[in-house]
Amino acid sequence: VQLVESGGGLVESGGSLRLSCAASGFTFDDYAIAWFRQAPGKQRELVATITSGGTTNYADSVKGRFTISNDNAKNTVYLQMDSLKPEDTAVYYCNAKRQLSRTTVSNYWGQGTQVTVSS
């Protein structure tokens, strides 16, 4: 069971990147998928989420600039990041979570991908 992020890199302010999160060993069906990020010296923060039904939510700091989407056929979730700012610099992590029972949660994390935005 694995989540693998890709697509990070170095981009100038105002540029775009698309992150991918691919699952192996399980399918995204019935999982809520989230992108988190963690900048140096800061706590990990939630960036965007998408439910199995396709409902999306975004942190205020990225609304209107980032778009989360899924491709169930490819078992992959994407984070399209436009109008990037230096403050978006962080390691971005993919998370998949599913409530299995009242007390049990299936929760997977990827290894993270670095996004660096230069000013």
Protein backbone atom coordinates (compact mmCIF):
# COMPACT_ATOMS: atom_id res chain seq x y z
CA VAL A 1 0.00 0.00 0.00
CA GLN A 2 1.56 3.23 -1.09
CA LEU A 3 0.91 6.86 -2.00
CA VAL A 4 3.45 8.47 -4.28
CA GLU A 5 3.57 12.20 -4.93
CA SER A 6 5.30 13.76 -7.90
CA GLY A 7 5.43 17.02 -9.81
CA GLY A 8 7.21 19.25 -7.34
CA GLY A 9 10.08 21.50 -8.31
CA LEU A 10 11.40 25.03 -8.53
CA VAL A 11 9.23 27.68 -10.16
CA GLU A 12 9.22 31.47 -10.30
CA SER A 13 6.61 33.52 -8.54
CA GLY A 14 3.44 33.62 -10.64
CA GLY A 15 4.19 30.26 -12.22
CA SER A 16 2.33 26.95 -12.09
CA LEU A 17 2.93 23.37 -11.08
CA ARG A 18 0.75 20.28 -11.06
CA LEU A 19 1.28 17.75 -8.30
CA SER A 20 0.16 14.15 -8.67
CA CYS A 21 -0.67 11.61 -5.98
CA ALA A 22 -0.87 8.03 -7.21
CA ALA A 23 -2.11 5.15 -5.09
CA SER A 24 -0.93 1.58 -5.33
CA GLY A 25 -2.22 -1.35 -3.35
CA PHE A 26 -5.63 0.19 -2.80
CA THR A 27 -8.15 2.29 -4.68
CA PHE A 28 -9.29 5.79 -3.87
CA ASP A 29 -12.93 4.70 -3.85
CA ASP A 30 -14.55 5.75 -0.56
CA TYR A 31 -11.42 7.65 0.50
CA ALA A 32 -11.21 11.36 1.15
CA ILE A 33 -7.99 12.69 -0.32
CA ALA A 34 -6.19 15.71 1.01
CA TRP A 35 -3.10 17.72 0.20
CA PHE A 36 -1.15 19.10 3.13
CA ARG A 37 2.00 21.18 3.15
CA GLN A 38 4.72 21.91 5.65
CA ALA A 39 7.14 24.78 5.40
CA PRO A 40 10.40 24.84 7.40
CA GLY A 41 9.74 25.65 11.03
CA LYS A 42 5.98 25.58 10.58
CA GLN A 43 3.24 23.11 11.34
CA ARG A 44 1.75 20.96 8.63
CA GLU A 45 -1.34 22.64 7.22
CA LEU A 46 -4.28 21.45 5.18
CA VAL A 47 -4.32 22.82 1.64
CA ALA A 48 -7.18 21.11 -0.17
CA THR A 49 -9.48 18.12 0.10
CA ILE A 50 -11.67 16.10 -2.23
CA THR A 51 -14.22 13.52 -1.13
CA SER A 52 -15.07 10.31 -2.93
CA GLY A 53 -18.16 12.14 -4.17
CA GLY A 54 -16.07 14.94 -5.65
CA THR A 55 -16.75 17.67 -3.10
CA THR A 56 -13.77 19.97 -2.75
CA ASN A 57 -12.56 22.37 -0.08
CA TYR A 58 -9.60 24.71 0.07
CA ALA A 59 -7.63 26.65 2.60
CA ASP A 60 -8.33 30.37 2.34
CA SER A 61 -4.71 30.99 1.40
CA VAL A 62 -5.01 28.99 -1.83
CA LYS A 63 -8.64 29.57 -2.87
CA GLY A 64 -8.86 30.71 -6.46
CA ARG A 65 -5.29 29.62 -7.19
CA PHE A 66 -5.22 25.87 -6.50
CA THR A 67 -7.51 23.17 -7.88
CA ILE A 68 -7.78 19.61 -6.58
CA SER A 69 -9.17 16.93 -8.87
CA ASN A 70 -9.23 13.17 -9.21
CA ASP A 71 -8.98 10.61 -11.97
CA ASN A 72 -10.45 7.40 -10.60
CA ALA A 73 -9.47 5.46 -13.71
CA LYS A 74 -5.82 6.27 -12.97
CA ASN A 75 -6.25 6.10 -9.17
CA THR A 76 -4.60 9.50 -9.03
CA VAL A 77 -5.40 12.85 -7.45
CA TYR A 78 -3.96 16.10 -8.74
CA LEU A 79 -3.28 19.51 -7.28
CA GLN A 80 -3.05 22.20 -9.94
CA MET A 81 -1.24 25.19 -8.46
CA ASP A 82 -1.38 28.49 -10.34
CA SER A 83 -0.24 32.00 -9.48
CA LEU A 84 2.29 30.54 -7.09
CA LYS A 85 3.78 32.73 -4.40
CA PRO A 86 7.00 32.39 -2.40
CA GLU A 87 4.89 31.61 0.67
CA ASP A 88 3.65 28.47 -1.09
CA THR A 89 7.14 27.02 -0.70
CA ALA A 90 6.84 23.80 1.31
CA VAL A 91 6.92 20.05 1.18
CA TYR A 92 3.53 18.91 -0.10
CA TYR A 93 2.04 15.67 1.19
CA CYS A 94 -0.84 13.57 -0.05
CA ASN A 95 -3.16 11.89 2.46
CA ALA A 96 -5.89 9.31 1.95
CA LYS A 97 -8.35 8.66 4.73
CA ARG A 98 -11.38 6.39 5.09
CA GLN A 99 -13.56 5.71 8.10
CA LEU A 100 -13.77 1.92 8.33
CA SER A 101 -15.85 1.77 11.50
CA ARG A 102 -16.87 4.00 14.37
CA THR A 103 -13.40 3.59 15.89
CA THR A 104 -11.14 2.61 12.99
CA VAL A 105 -9.69 4.86 10.31
CA SER A 106 -7.61 3.81 7.33
CA ASN A 107 -5.03 6.56 6.87
CA TYR A 108 -2.16 6.72 4.37
CA TRP A 109 0.52 9.34 3.72
CA GLY A 110 2.87 9.89 0.84
CA GLN A 111 6.55 10.73 1.21
CA GLY A 112 6.13 14.34 0.14
CA THR A 113 7.33 16.43 -2.79
CA GLN A 114 9.21 19.71 -2.51
CA VAL A 115 7.75 22.86 -4.04
CA THR A 116 9.96 25.93 -4.11
CA VAL A 117 8.73 29.27 -5.42
CA SER A 118 11.37 31.91 -6.05
CA SER A 119 10.59 35.61 -5.80
